[in-house]
Protein backbone atom coordinates (compact mmCIF):
# COMPACT_ATOMS: atom_id res chain seq x y z
CA UNK A 1 0.01 -0.02 0.01
CA UNK A 2 2.78 2.45 0.83
CA UNK A 3 4.58 1.74 -2.44
CA UNK A 4 1.43 2.69 -4.34
CA UNK A 5 1.15 6.19 -2.82
CA UNK A 6 2.34 9.20 -4.77
CA UNK A 7 5.14 10.06 -2.32
CA UNK A 8 5.86 6.42 -1.33
CA UNK A 9 5.64 6.88 2.46
CA UNK A 10 3.15 7.27 5.25
CA UNK A 11 2.26 10.65 6.73
CA UNK A 12 3.81 11.29 10.14
CA UNK A 13 1.56 12.49 12.98
CA UNK A 14 3.78 15.59 13.28
CA UNK A 15 2.83 16.57 9.71
CA UNK A 16 -0.85 16.53 10.62
CA UNK A 17 -0.04 18.58 13.72
CA UNK A 18 1.84 21.13 11.60
CA UNK A 19 -1.24 21.63 9.42
CA UNK A 20 -3.47 21.97 12.50
CA UNK A 21 -1.07 24.49 14.02
CA UNK A 22 -0.99 26.51 10.82
CA UNK A 23 -4.78 26.51 10.50
CA UNK A 24 -5.08 27.80 14.08
CA UNK A 25 -2.61 30.62 13.42
CA UNK A 26 -3.19 34.16 12.15
CA UNK A 27 -1.32 33.20 8.96
CA UNK A 28 -4.30 31.09 7.92
CA UNK A 29 -6.93 33.76 8.53
CA UNK A 30 -7.88 33.75 4.85
CA UNK A 31 -8.64 30.04 4.82
CA UNK A 32 -12.32 29.46 5.49
CA UNK A 33 -14.76 26.69 4.63
CA UNK A 34 -12.33 24.35 2.89
CA UNK A 35 -11.22 20.78 3.47
CA UNK A 36 -7.50 20.10 3.66
CA UNK A 37 -6.43 16.68 2.46
CA UNK A 38 -3.37 14.95 3.88
CA UNK A 39 -3.16 11.68 1.96
CA UNK A 40 0.35 11.25 0.51
CA UNK A 41 -0.95 12.20 -2.91
CA UNK A 42 -3.67 9.53 -3.16
CA UNK A 43 -6.18 12.16 -4.28
CA UNK A 44 -3.94 13.13 -7.19
CA UNK A 45 -3.02 9.51 -7.90
């Protein structure tokens, strides 16, 4: 399954935490009502 992913690895929990931290920051104030996908490129695959 990992070999079939676009970036050939699993997502680390820290990477999910980085996105959550960013979305909670003032830097993401323009991001509203959208879904963020963290899937190693499966959506694009």
